[in-house]
């Protein structure tokens, strides 16, 4: 009996039907991670996404392996819009770094399953953080064939080998720093800085035009 092929959009949907976050604290952390990682890698060939389904392998029938990390970084793949991350369409490059922000409903079993998935499908760094309890842990390896090294609060401050961002725990919880030492900002802060920079450029151009100089020729 010949089986009818399952349509690709059914095997690889762009949504798993689950909400991005269960509460505002978790959502704020996810958005903070994604916006700061995008800013960090804006001049690099890198794809950063939040809550995007990642399909690591092409299969013909279920089950279809997939996960939707709260934030993920794929170095070597260009930025741009995607409905999901189908690895076989991305030069078979797996996300190298993933982040999970835990909510009250997440279980130890669920997190262990995510860790096994990320280990099996090529992730090099994974970080887990509960913004309510401030629990933090992670795993790191240099190559896929190596075993992971566990990262706990005892290892903090910890610097990501791939992203060069630093993790620290304070009385307020986890703090992540850019390579230049600045802490990760709220998304609105980036918007405000860009607005100020644009205003400064506009003023400079206006002054040049007053002097009879075309800014486009500079």
N, C-alpha and C. Protein backbone atom coordinates (compact mmCIF):
# COMPACT_ATOMS: atom_id res chain seq x y z
N UNK A 1 0.84 -1.20 0.00
CA UNK A 1 0.00 0.00 0.00
C UNK A 1 0.88 1.25 0.00
N UNK A 2 0.64 2.15 -0.95
CA UNK A 2 1.42 3.36 -1.06
C UNK A 2 0.83 4.42 -0.13
N UNK A 3 1.66 4.97 0.75
CA UNK A 3 1.20 5.99 1.69
C UNK A 3 1.26 7.37 1.04
N UNK A 4 0.22 8.14 1.25
CA UNK A 4 0.18 9.49 0.72
C UNK A 4 1.16 10.38 1.49
N UNK A 5 2.04 11.08 0.79
CA UNK A 5 2.99 11.96 1.49
C UNK A 5 2.27 13.00 2.33
N UNK A 6 2.81 13.28 3.48
CA UNK A 6 2.23 14.29 4.36
C UNK A 6 2.71 15.67 3.90
N UNK A 7 1.78 16.61 3.70
CA UNK A 7 2.18 17.95 3.25
C UNK A 7 3.22 18.57 4.19
N UNK A 8 4.15 19.30 3.60
CA UNK A 8 5.23 19.89 4.37
C UNK A 8 4.72 20.82 5.46
N UNK A 9 3.64 21.57 5.16
CA UNK A 9 3.14 22.53 6.15
C UNK A 9 2.52 21.83 7.35
N UNK A 10 2.15 20.56 7.21
CA UNK A 10 1.64 19.79 8.34
C UNK A 10 2.77 19.15 9.12
N UNK A 11 3.81 18.72 8.40
CA UNK A 11 4.96 18.14 9.09
C UNK A 11 5.78 19.21 9.80
N UNK A 12 5.87 20.38 9.16
CA UNK A 12 6.72 21.45 9.69
C UNK A 12 5.94 22.75 9.84
N UNK A 13 4.97 22.79 10.74
CA UNK A 13 4.21 24.04 10.92
C UNK A 13 5.09 25.14 11.48
N UNK A 14 4.68 26.38 11.23
CA UNK A 14 5.44 27.53 11.74
C UNK A 14 5.03 27.92 13.16
N UNK A 15 4.08 27.20 13.73
CA UNK A 15 3.67 27.47 15.10
C UNK A 15 3.33 26.16 15.79
N UNK A 16 3.67 26.09 17.09
CA UNK A 16 3.32 24.91 17.86
C UNK A 16 2.07 25.14 18.70
N UNK A 17 1.45 26.31 18.52
CA UNK A 17 0.23 26.60 19.24
C UNK A 17 0.42 27.01 20.69
N UNK A 18 1.66 27.10 21.13
CA UNK A 18 1.94 27.45 22.52
C UNK A 18 2.26 28.94 22.62
N UNK A 19 1.90 29.57 23.74
CA UNK A 19 2.23 31.00 23.89
C UNK A 19 3.72 31.21 24.05
N UNK A 20 4.18 32.39 23.66
CA UNK A 20 5.60 32.71 23.78
C UNK A 20 6.04 32.71 25.23
N UNK A 21 5.18 33.18 26.12
CA UNK A 21 5.52 33.24 27.54
C UNK A 21 4.25 33.08 28.37
N UNK A 22 4.44 32.66 29.62
CA UNK A 22 3.31 32.45 30.51
C UNK A 22 3.05 33.65 31.42
N UNK A 23 4.00 34.55 31.52
CA UNK A 23 3.82 35.72 32.37
C UNK A 23 4.69 36.86 31.85
N UNK A 24 4.46 38.05 32.37
CA UNK A 24 5.17 39.22 31.86
C UNK A 24 6.66 39.20 32.18
N UNK A 25 7.03 38.60 33.32
CA UNK A 25 8.45 38.54 33.67
C UNK A 25 9.21 37.66 32.68
N UNK A 26 8.66 36.50 32.38
CA UNK A 26 9.30 35.62 31.40
C UNK A 26 9.35 36.29 30.03
N UNK A 27 8.27 36.93 29.62
CA UNK A 27 8.23 37.60 28.32
C UNK A 27 9.28 38.71 28.24
N UNK A 28 9.39 39.50 29.32
CA UNK A 28 10.36 40.59 29.33
C UNK A 28 11.78 40.07 29.19
N UNK A 29 12.06 38.96 29.83
CA UNK A 29 13.40 38.38 29.72
C UNK A 29 13.68 37.87 28.31
N UNK A 30 12.69 37.25 27.68
CA UNK A 30 12.88 36.74 26.32
C UNK A 30 13.15 37.90 25.36
N UNK A 31 12.34 38.95 25.47
CA UNK A 31 12.51 40.10 24.58
C UNK A 31 13.85 40.78 24.84
N UNK A 32 14.25 40.88 26.10
CA UNK A 32 15.54 41.48 26.44
C UNK A 32 16.68 40.69 25.81
N UNK A 33 16.63 39.37 25.95
CA UNK A 33 17.67 38.53 25.37
C UNK A 33 17.76 38.72 23.86
N UNK A 34 16.63 38.61 23.18
CA UNK A 34 16.64 38.68 21.72
C UNK A 34 17.11 40.05 21.24
N UNK A 35 16.60 41.13 21.83
CA UNK A 35 16.97 42.47 21.37
C UNK A 35 18.45 42.77 21.61
N UNK A 36 18.98 42.35 22.75
CA UNK A 36 20.40 42.60 23.03
C UNK A 36 21.30 41.72 22.18
N UNK A 37 20.90 40.49 21.93
CA UNK A 37 21.71 39.62 21.08
C UNK A 37 21.72 40.14 19.64
N UNK A 38 20.59 40.66 19.18
CA UNK A 38 20.55 41.25 17.85
C UNK A 38 21.47 42.47 17.77
N UNK A 39 21.45 43.29 18.80
CA UNK A 39 22.32 44.46 18.83
C UNK A 39 23.79 44.03 18.86
N UNK A 40 24.09 43.01 19.66
CA UNK A 40 25.45 42.51 19.78
C UNK A 40 26.00 42.03 18.44
N UNK A 41 25.15 41.39 17.65
CA UNK A 41 25.60 40.73 16.42
C UNK A 41 25.16 41.45 15.15
N UNK A 42 24.77 42.72 15.29
CA UNK A 42 24.21 43.44 14.14
C UNK A 42 25.20 43.59 12.99
N UNK A 43 26.50 43.55 13.29
CA UNK A 43 27.51 43.71 12.23
C UNK A 43 28.11 42.37 11.81
N UNK A 44 27.55 41.29 12.32
CA UNK A 44 28.04 39.95 12.00
C UNK A 44 27.04 39.22 11.10
N UNK A 45 27.50 38.15 10.48
CA UNK A 45 26.58 37.26 9.77
C UNK A 45 26.01 36.32 10.83
N UNK A 46 24.82 36.64 11.30
CA UNK A 46 24.24 35.87 12.40
C UNK A 46 22.73 36.03 12.38
N UNK A 47 22.05 34.97 12.75
CA UNK A 47 20.60 34.97 12.84
C UNK A 47 20.21 34.79 14.31
N UNK A 48 19.40 35.71 14.81
CA UNK A 48 18.93 35.66 16.19
C UNK A 48 17.41 35.61 16.18
N UNK A 49 16.84 34.72 16.96
CA UNK A 49 15.38 34.60 16.99
C UNK A 49 14.91 34.21 18.37
N UNK A 50 13.66 34.53 18.65
CA UNK A 50 13.04 34.15 19.91
C UNK A 50 11.79 33.33 19.66
N UNK A 51 11.66 32.21 20.37
CA UNK A 51 10.48 31.36 20.29
C UNK A 51 10.18 30.92 18.86
N UNK A 52 11.20 30.62 18.10
CA UNK A 52 11.04 30.17 16.72
C UNK A 52 11.27 28.66 16.66
N UNK A 53 10.37 27.95 15.99
CA UNK A 53 10.54 26.51 15.87
C UNK A 53 11.79 26.18 15.06
N UNK A 54 12.58 25.29 15.60
CA UNK A 54 13.81 24.81 14.94
C UNK A 54 13.62 23.34 14.61
N UNK A 55 13.70 23.03 13.31
CA UNK A 55 13.62 21.65 12.83
C UNK A 55 15.02 21.23 12.38
N UNK A 56 15.69 20.35 13.10
CA UNK A 56 17.08 20.04 12.77
C UNK A 56 17.27 19.07 11.61
N UNK A 57 16.28 18.20 11.36
CA UNK A 57 16.46 17.18 10.31
C UNK A 57 15.20 17.07 9.47
N UNK A 58 15.40 16.68 8.23
CA UNK A 58 14.30 16.46 7.30
C UNK A 58 13.82 15.03 7.42
N UNK A 59 12.54 14.86 7.69
CA UNK A 59 11.94 13.52 7.78
C UNK A 59 10.71 13.48 6.88
N UNK A 60 10.25 12.27 6.58
CA UNK A 60 9.10 12.11 5.70
C UNK A 60 7.80 11.89 6.47
N UNK A 61 7.92 11.38 7.69
CA UNK A 61 6.72 11.10 8.47
C UNK A 61 7.01 11.41 9.94
N UNK A 62 5.96 11.63 10.72
CA UNK A 62 6.16 11.88 12.16
C UNK A 62 6.81 10.68 12.83
N UNK A 63 7.47 10.91 13.97
CA UNK A 63 7.59 12.17 14.70
C UNK A 63 8.64 13.09 14.08
N UNK A 64 8.41 14.38 14.21
CA UNK A 64 9.32 15.38 13.66
C UNK A 64 10.06 16.04 14.82
N UNK A 65 11.38 15.85 14.93
CA UNK A 65 12.13 16.49 16.02
C UNK A 65 12.07 18.01 15.89
N UNK A 66 11.76 18.70 16.97
CA UNK A 66 11.77 20.16 16.94
C UNK A 66 11.78 20.72 18.36
N UNK A 67 12.27 21.93 18.48
CA UNK A 67 12.21 22.70 19.71
C UNK A 67 12.07 24.17 19.32
N UNK A 68 11.58 24.96 20.26
CA UNK A 68 11.48 26.41 20.05
C UNK A 68 12.19 27.10 21.21
N UNK A 69 13.50 27.25 21.13
CA UNK A 69 14.23 27.92 22.22
C UNK A 69 13.68 29.33 22.45
N UNK A 70 13.71 29.75 23.70
CA UNK A 70 13.25 31.11 23.98
C UNK A 70 14.10 32.14 23.25
N UNK A 71 15.37 31.85 23.08
CA UNK A 71 16.25 32.68 22.24
C UNK A 71 17.32 31.77 21.66
N UNK A 72 17.68 32.01 20.42
CA UNK A 72 18.74 31.20 19.81
C UNK A 72 19.58 32.06 18.89
N UNK A 73 20.84 31.66 18.76
CA UNK A 73 21.81 32.36 17.92
C UNK A 73 22.40 31.36 16.94
N UNK A 74 22.36 31.73 15.66
CA UNK A 74 22.97 30.90 14.62
C UNK A 74 24.05 31.73 13.93
N UNK A 75 25.28 31.49 14.29
CA UNK A 75 26.40 32.19 13.66
C UNK A 75 26.66 31.59 12.28
N UNK A 76 26.85 32.46 11.30
CA UNK A 76 27.10 31.98 9.95
C UNK A 76 25.88 31.96 9.05
N UNK A 77 24.71 32.33 9.58
CA UNK A 77 23.50 32.43 8.77
C UNK A 77 22.99 33.86 8.81
N UNK A 78 22.55 34.40 7.68
CA UNK A 78 22.15 35.80 7.63
C UNK A 78 20.87 36.08 8.39
N UNK A 79 20.76 37.31 8.86
CA UNK A 79 19.54 37.76 9.50
C UNK A 79 18.41 37.79 8.46
N UNK A 80 17.19 37.83 8.91
CA UNK A 80 16.06 37.89 7.99
C UNK A 80 14.86 37.16 8.56
N UNK A 81 13.72 37.37 7.93
CA UNK A 81 12.47 36.77 8.40
C UNK A 81 12.38 35.30 8.01
N UNK A 82 11.90 34.50 8.94
CA UNK A 82 11.67 33.08 8.71
C UNK A 82 10.43 32.66 9.48
N UNK A 83 9.65 31.75 8.91
CA UNK A 83 8.51 31.20 9.64
C UNK A 83 8.95 30.17 10.65
N UNK A 84 10.04 29.50 10.34
CA UNK A 84 10.67 28.53 11.24
C UNK A 84 12.10 28.35 10.75
N UNK A 85 12.91 27.68 11.56
CA UNK A 85 14.30 27.45 11.16
C UNK A 85 14.45 25.99 10.76
N UNK A 86 14.42 25.75 9.44
CA UNK A 86 14.60 24.40 8.89
C UNK A 86 16.09 24.25 8.56
N UNK A 87 16.76 23.45 9.34
CA UNK A 87 18.22 23.43 9.29
C UNK A 87 18.75 23.00 7.93
N UNK A 88 18.07 22.09 7.25
CA UNK A 88 18.56 21.59 5.96
C UNK A 88 18.47 22.67 4.88
N UNK A 89 17.72 23.75 5.15
CA UNK A 89 17.66 24.86 4.21
C UNK A 89 18.64 25.98 4.60
N UNK A 90 19.40 25.76 5.66
CA UNK A 90 20.31 26.76 6.21
C UNK A 90 21.75 26.24 6.23
N UNK A 91 22.14 25.55 5.13
CA UNK A 91 23.48 24.97 5.01
C UNK A 91 23.78 23.99 6.15
N UNK A 92 22.70 23.43 6.72
CA UNK A 92 22.79 22.45 7.80
C UNK A 92 23.56 23.00 9.01
N UNK A 93 23.41 24.30 9.26
CA UNK A 93 24.05 24.92 10.42
C UNK A 93 23.06 24.96 11.58
N UNK A 94 23.41 24.31 12.67
CA UNK A 94 22.55 24.29 13.85
C UNK A 94 22.79 25.54 14.69
N UNK A 95 21.78 25.97 15.45
CA UNK A 95 22.04 27.05 16.41
C UNK A 95 23.17 26.66 17.36
N UNK A 96 24.10 27.55 17.54
CA UNK A 96 25.23 27.25 18.42
C UNK A 96 24.93 27.60 19.88
N UNK A 97 24.07 28.61 20.09
CA UNK A 97 23.77 29.06 21.45
C UNK A 97 22.25 29.17 21.61
N UNK A 98 21.73 28.62 22.70
CA UNK A 98 20.30 28.72 22.97
C UNK A 98 20.10 29.15 24.43
N UNK A 99 18.96 29.79 24.66
CA UNK A 99 18.59 30.26 26.00
C UNK A 99 17.17 29.79 26.31
N UNK A 100 16.96 29.37 27.54
CA UNK A 100 15.62 29.01 28.01
C UNK A 100 15.32 29.82 29.27
N UNK A 101 14.20 30.53 29.25
CA UNK A 101 13.74 31.29 30.41
C UNK A 101 12.57 30.52 31.01
N UNK A 102 12.76 30.03 32.22
CA UNK A 102 11.77 29.12 32.81
C UNK A 102 10.56 29.87 33.36
N UNK A 103 9.42 29.19 33.30
CA UNK A 103 8.17 29.67 33.88
C UNK A 103 7.75 28.71 34.98
N UNK A 104 6.76 29.07 35.80
CA UNK A 104 6.35 28.18 36.90
C UNK A 104 5.90 26.79 36.45
N UNK A 105 5.37 26.67 35.24
CA UNK A 105 4.87 25.36 34.80
C UNK A 105 5.95 24.43 34.27
N UNK A 106 7.14 24.95 34.02
CA UNK A 106 8.22 24.11 33.50
C UNK A 106 8.66 23.09 34.55
N UNK A 107 8.90 21.86 34.11
CA UNK A 107 9.30 20.80 35.02
C UNK A 107 10.74 20.39 34.77
N UNK A 108 11.31 19.71 35.75
CA UNK A 108 12.67 19.20 35.61
C UNK A 108 12.76 18.23 34.44
N UNK A 109 11.73 17.39 34.27
CA UNK A 109 11.70 16.44 33.15
C UNK A 109 11.72 17.16 31.81
N UNK A 110 10.94 18.23 31.71
CA UNK A 110 10.89 19.01 30.47
C UNK A 110 12.24 19.63 30.15
N UNK A 111 12.89 20.20 31.15
CA UNK A 111 14.19 20.82 30.92
C UNK A 111 15.25 19.79 30.56
N UNK A 112 15.18 18.61 31.18
CA UNK A 112 16.13 17.55 30.86
C UNK A 112 15.95 17.10 29.42
N UNK A 113 14.70 17.05 28.95
CA UNK A 113 14.44 16.67 27.56
C UNK A 113 15.00 17.71 26.60
N UNK A 114 14.85 18.98 26.95
CA UNK A 114 15.42 20.04 26.11
C UNK A 114 16.94 19.93 26.06
N UNK A 115 17.56 19.66 27.20
CA UNK A 115 19.01 19.52 27.24
C UNK A 115 19.47 18.38 26.35
N UNK A 116 18.78 17.25 26.39
CA UNK A 116 19.15 16.11 25.53
C UNK A 116 18.99 16.46 24.06
N UNK A 117 17.91 17.16 23.74
CA UNK A 117 17.67 17.56 22.35
C UNK A 117 18.81 18.47 21.86
N UNK A 118 19.13 19.48 22.63
CA UNK A 118 20.18 20.42 22.22
C UNK A 118 21.53 19.72 22.11
N UNK A 119 21.78 18.78 22.99
CA UNK A 119 23.03 18.03 22.91
C UNK A 119 23.08 17.19 21.64
N UNK A 120 21.97 16.51 21.34
CA UNK A 120 21.94 15.61 20.18
C UNK A 120 22.07 16.36 18.87
N UNK A 121 21.48 17.55 18.79
CA UNK A 121 21.41 18.24 17.49
C UNK A 121 22.40 19.39 17.33
N UNK A 122 23.45 19.41 18.14
CA UNK A 122 24.60 20.23 17.79
C UNK A 122 24.79 21.56 18.49
N UNK A 123 23.97 21.87 19.50
CA UNK A 123 24.17 23.11 20.23
C UNK A 123 25.49 23.06 21.00
N UNK A 124 26.19 24.18 21.05
CA UNK A 124 27.47 24.24 21.75
C UNK A 124 27.36 24.91 23.12
N UNK A 125 26.42 25.82 23.26
CA UNK A 125 26.20 26.48 24.55
C UNK A 125 24.69 26.57 24.80
N UNK A 126 24.26 26.20 26.00
CA UNK A 126 22.85 26.36 26.37
C UNK A 126 22.78 26.92 27.78
N UNK A 127 21.87 27.86 27.96
CA UNK A 127 21.74 28.54 29.25
C UNK A 127 20.28 28.53 29.70
N UNK A 128 20.07 28.22 30.98
CA UNK A 128 18.74 28.13 31.56
C UNK A 128 18.65 29.09 32.74
N UNK A 129 17.54 29.85 32.80
CA UNK A 129 17.40 30.80 33.90
C UNK A 129 15.93 30.91 34.31
N UNK A 130 15.71 30.84 35.63
CA UNK A 130 14.39 31.05 36.20
C UNK A 130 14.37 32.44 36.83
N UNK A 131 13.70 33.42 36.21
CA UNK A 131 13.76 34.79 36.72
C UNK A 131 13.00 34.99 38.04
N UNK A 132 12.20 33.99 38.45
CA UNK A 132 11.49 34.11 39.73
C UNK A 132 12.33 33.58 40.89
N UNK A 133 12.93 32.41 40.68
CA UNK A 133 13.77 31.83 41.74
C UNK A 133 15.23 32.23 41.62
N UNK A 134 15.61 32.80 40.46
CA UNK A 134 16.99 33.18 40.14
C UNK A 134 17.91 31.97 39.96
N UNK A 135 17.32 30.79 39.76
CA UNK A 135 18.13 29.61 39.46
C UNK A 135 18.74 29.75 38.07
N UNK A 136 20.02 29.42 37.97
CA UNK A 136 20.73 29.53 36.69
C UNK A 136 21.66 28.35 36.53
N UNK A 137 21.70 27.79 35.33
CA UNK A 137 22.70 26.77 34.99
C UNK A 137 22.86 26.75 33.47
N UNK A 138 23.90 26.10 33.04
CA UNK A 138 24.15 26.00 31.60
C UNK A 138 25.09 24.86 31.28
N UNK A 139 25.34 24.68 29.99
CA UNK A 139 26.25 23.65 29.50
C UNK A 139 27.04 24.23 28.33
N UNK A 140 28.29 23.82 28.23
CA UNK A 140 29.16 24.36 27.19
C UNK A 140 30.11 23.30 26.70
N UNK A 141 30.39 23.32 25.40
CA UNK A 141 31.41 22.45 24.79
C UNK A 141 31.96 23.16 23.57
N UNK A 142 33.18 22.82 23.20
CA UNK A 142 33.81 23.47 22.06
C UNK A 142 33.42 22.82 20.75
N UNK A 143 33.23 21.48 20.76
CA UNK A 143 32.89 20.76 19.55
C UNK A 143 31.75 19.79 19.83
N UNK A 144 31.01 19.45 18.79
CA UNK A 144 29.83 18.60 18.93
C UNK A 144 30.17 17.25 19.53
N UNK A 145 31.32 16.70 19.17
CA UNK A 145 31.68 15.36 19.63
C UNK A 145 32.13 15.33 21.08
N UNK A 146 32.30 16.49 21.69
CA UNK A 146 32.75 16.54 23.08
C UNK A 146 31.58 16.45 24.05
N UNK A 147 31.91 16.11 25.29
CA UNK A 147 30.91 16.11 26.35
C UNK A 147 30.71 17.54 26.86
N UNK A 148 29.52 17.81 27.38
CA UNK A 148 29.24 19.14 27.90
C UNK A 148 29.88 19.36 29.26
N UNK A 149 30.24 20.60 29.50
CA UNK A 149 30.70 21.02 30.82
C UNK A 149 29.55 21.76 31.50
N UNK A 150 29.20 21.36 32.70
CA UNK A 150 28.13 21.99 33.45
C UNK A 150 28.59 23.34 34.00
N UNK A 151 27.72 24.35 33.84
CA UNK A 151 27.99 25.68 34.39
C UNK A 151 26.96 25.94 35.49
N UNK A 152 27.41 26.23 36.68
CA UNK A 152 26.52 26.51 37.81
C UNK A 152 26.85 27.89 38.37
N UNK A 153 26.06 28.38 39.33
CA UNK A 153 26.41 29.67 39.95
C UNK A 153 27.81 29.69 40.55
N UNK A 154 28.37 28.51 40.87
CA UNK A 154 29.73 28.47 41.41
C UNK A 154 30.76 28.89 40.37
N UNK A 155 30.39 28.79 39.08
CA UNK A 155 31.31 29.16 38.01
C UNK A 155 31.19 30.64 37.62
N UNK A 156 30.22 31.35 38.20
CA UNK A 156 30.00 32.74 37.84
C UNK A 156 31.00 33.65 38.56
N UNK A 157 31.43 34.73 37.93
CA UNK A 157 31.03 35.17 36.59
C UNK A 157 31.55 34.24 35.49
N UNK A 158 30.72 34.06 34.48
CA UNK A 158 31.04 33.17 33.37
C UNK A 158 30.93 33.95 32.07
N UNK A 159 31.90 33.77 31.18
CA UNK A 159 31.88 34.44 29.88
C UNK A 159 31.66 33.42 28.78
N UNK A 160 30.67 33.67 27.95
CA UNK A 160 30.36 32.77 26.83
C UNK A 160 31.53 32.73 25.86
N UNK A 161 32.08 31.55 25.57
CA UNK A 161 33.20 31.47 24.62
C UNK A 161 32.84 31.96 23.22
N UNK A 162 31.59 31.75 22.80
CA UNK A 162 31.20 32.12 21.45
C UNK A 162 30.74 33.57 21.33
N UNK A 163 30.02 34.07 22.31
CA UNK A 163 29.45 35.40 22.22
C UNK A 163 30.21 36.45 23.02
N UNK A 164 31.06 36.00 23.92
CA UNK A 164 31.86 36.90 24.76
C UNK A 164 30.98 37.77 25.66
N UNK A 165 29.77 37.30 25.98
CA UNK A 165 28.94 38.00 26.95
C UNK A 165 29.16 37.36 28.31
N UNK A 166 29.03 38.16 29.38
CA UNK A 166 29.35 37.69 30.72
C UNK A 166 28.09 37.56 31.58
N UNK A 167 28.01 36.45 32.30
CA UNK A 167 26.88 36.19 33.18
C UNK A 167 27.33 36.37 34.64
N UNK A 168 26.54 37.12 35.40
CA UNK A 168 26.79 37.28 36.83
C UNK A 168 25.46 37.19 37.58
N UNK A 169 25.52 36.77 38.83
CA UNK A 169 24.34 36.77 39.69
C UNK A 169 24.50 37.85 40.75
N UNK A 170 23.48 38.68 40.89
CA UNK A 170 23.49 39.73 41.91
C UNK A 170 22.29 39.49 42.83
N UNK A 171 22.11 40.39 43.75
CA UNK A 171 20.96 40.28 44.63
C UNK A 171 19.64 40.41 43.89
N UNK A 172 19.68 41.03 42.71
CA UNK A 172 18.49 41.21 41.89
C UNK A 172 18.30 40.07 40.90
N UNK A 173 19.23 39.13 40.87
CA UNK A 173 19.13 38.03 39.93
C UNK A 173 20.23 38.06 38.88
N UNK A 174 19.97 37.42 37.75
CA UNK A 174 20.97 37.31 36.69
C UNK A 174 21.18 38.64 35.99
N UNK A 175 22.44 38.97 35.77
CA UNK A 175 22.81 40.15 34.99
C UNK A 175 23.74 39.67 33.87
N UNK A 176 23.45 40.09 32.64
CA UNK A 176 24.27 39.70 31.49
C UNK A 176 24.92 40.97 30.94
N UNK A 177 26.21 40.89 30.64
CA UNK A 177 26.96 42.05 30.19
C UNK A 177 27.45 41.85 28.75
N UNK A 178 27.39 42.92 27.98
CA UNK A 178 27.99 42.94 26.65
C UNK A 178 29.51 42.88 26.79
N UNK A 179 30.21 42.54 25.71
CA UNK A 179 31.68 42.49 25.76
C UNK A 179 32.32 43.80 26.21
N UNK A 180 31.64 44.93 25.98
CA UNK A 180 32.20 46.22 26.40
C UNK A 180 31.92 46.55 27.86
N UNK A 181 31.27 45.61 28.57
CA UNK A 181 31.02 45.80 29.98
C UNK A 181 29.66 46.39 30.31
N UNK A 182 28.89 46.81 29.30
CA UNK A 182 27.57 47.36 29.55
C UNK A 182 26.56 46.24 29.79
N UNK A 183 25.69 46.38 30.77
CA UNK A 183 24.68 45.34 31.00
C UNK A 183 23.64 45.31 29.88
N UNK A 184 23.04 44.15 29.69
CA UNK A 184 21.95 44.04 28.73
C UNK A 184 20.87 45.06 29.09
N UNK A 185 20.36 45.73 28.08
CA UNK A 185 19.39 46.80 28.28
C UNK A 185 17.97 46.32 27.99
N UNK A 186 17.02 47.13 28.43
CA UNK A 186 15.64 46.90 28.03
C UNK A 186 15.49 47.31 26.57
N UNK A 187 14.61 46.66 25.81
CA UNK A 187 14.47 46.98 24.38
C UNK A 187 14.20 48.46 24.13
N UNK A 188 13.41 49.10 25.00
CA UNK A 188 13.11 50.51 24.82
C UNK A 188 14.33 51.39 24.90
N UNK A 189 15.34 50.96 25.65
CA UNK A 189 16.57 51.74 25.76
C UNK A 189 17.30 51.80 24.43
N UNK A 190 17.33 50.67 23.70
CA UNK A 190 17.98 50.67 22.39
C UNK A 190 17.26 51.63 21.46
N UNK A 191 15.92 51.61 21.53
CA UNK A 191 15.13 52.48 20.65
C UNK A 191 15.44 53.94 20.94
N UNK A 192 15.53 54.27 22.24
CA UNK A 192 15.82 55.64 22.63
C UNK A 192 17.18 56.09 22.14
N UNK A 193 18.19 55.21 22.23
CA UNK A 193 19.54 55.56 21.78
C UNK A 193 19.57 55.79 20.27
N UNK A 194 18.85 54.93 19.54
CA UNK A 194 18.82 55.09 18.09
C UNK A 194 18.13 56.39 17.71
N UNK A 195 17.06 56.74 18.44
CA UNK A 195 16.36 58.00 18.18
C UNK A 195 17.29 59.18 18.39
N UNK A 196 18.06 59.17 19.49
CA UNK A 196 18.99 60.26 19.78
C UNK A 196 20.07 60.35 18.71
N UNK A 197 20.60 59.20 18.31
CA UNK A 197 21.64 59.20 17.28
C UNK A 197 21.10 59.75 15.96
N UNK A 198 19.86 59.39 15.62
CA UNK A 198 19.26 59.88 14.39
C UNK A 198 19.06 61.39 14.46
N UNK A 199 18.61 61.87 15.62
CA UNK A 199 18.42 63.31 15.79
C UNK A 199 19.75 64.06 15.63
N UNK A 200 20.82 63.48 16.20
CA UNK A 200 22.13 64.12 16.09
C UNK A 200 22.60 64.17 14.63
N UNK A 201 22.36 63.08 13.90
CA UNK A 201 22.73 63.05 12.48
C UNK A 201 21.93 64.09 11.69
N UNK A 202 20.63 64.17 11.99
CA UNK A 202 19.78 65.12 11.28
C UNK A 202 20.25 66.56 11.52
N UNK A 203 20.63 66.87 12.78
CA UNK A 203 21.11 68.21 13.09
C UNK A 203 22.42 68.52 12.37
N UNK A 204 23.31 67.52 12.34
CA UNK A 204 24.59 67.71 11.66
C UNK A 204 24.39 67.94 10.17
N UNK A 205 23.48 67.16 9.55
CA UNK A 205 23.21 67.33 8.12
C UNK A 205 22.60 68.71 7.85
N UNK A 206 21.69 69.13 8.74
CA UNK A 206 21.05 70.43 8.55
C UNK A 206 22.10 71.56 8.61
N UNK A 207 23.05 71.42 9.55
CA UNK A 207 24.10 72.43 9.67
C UNK A 207 24.98 72.48 8.42
N UNK A 208 25.30 71.31 7.88
CA UNK A 208 26.10 71.26 6.66
C UNK A 208 25.37 71.92 5.50
N UNK A 209 24.07 71.67 5.41
CA UNK A 209 23.29 72.25 4.32
C UNK A 209 23.23 73.76 4.45
N UNK A 210 23.18 74.27 5.71
CA UNK A 210 23.20 75.72 5.94
C UNK A 210 24.50 76.33 5.41
N UNK A 211 25.57 75.56 5.51
CA UNK A 211 26.88 76.04 5.04
C UNK A 211 27.08 75.81 3.55
N UNK A 212 26.02 75.28 2.90
CA UNK A 212 26.12 75.05 1.47
C UNK A 212 26.85 73.77 1.10
N UNK A 213 26.95 72.85 2.04
CA UNK A 213 27.65 71.59 1.78
C UNK A 213 26.62 70.47 1.68
N UNK A 214 26.71 69.70 0.62
CA UNK A 214 25.81 68.56 0.44
C UNK A 214 26.35 67.39 1.24
N UNK A 215 25.61 66.90 2.28
CA UNK A 215 26.10 65.78 3.10
C UNK A 215 26.36 64.52 2.30
N UNK A 216 25.64 64.36 1.19
CA UNK A 216 25.78 63.16 0.39
C UNK A 216 27.14 63.08 -0.30
N UNK A 217 27.83 64.23 -0.43
CA UNK A 217 29.13 64.23 -1.12
C UNK A 217 30.28 63.94 -0.17
N UNK A 218 29.99 63.86 1.13
CA UNK A 218 31.06 63.63 2.10
C UNK A 218 31.38 62.16 2.22
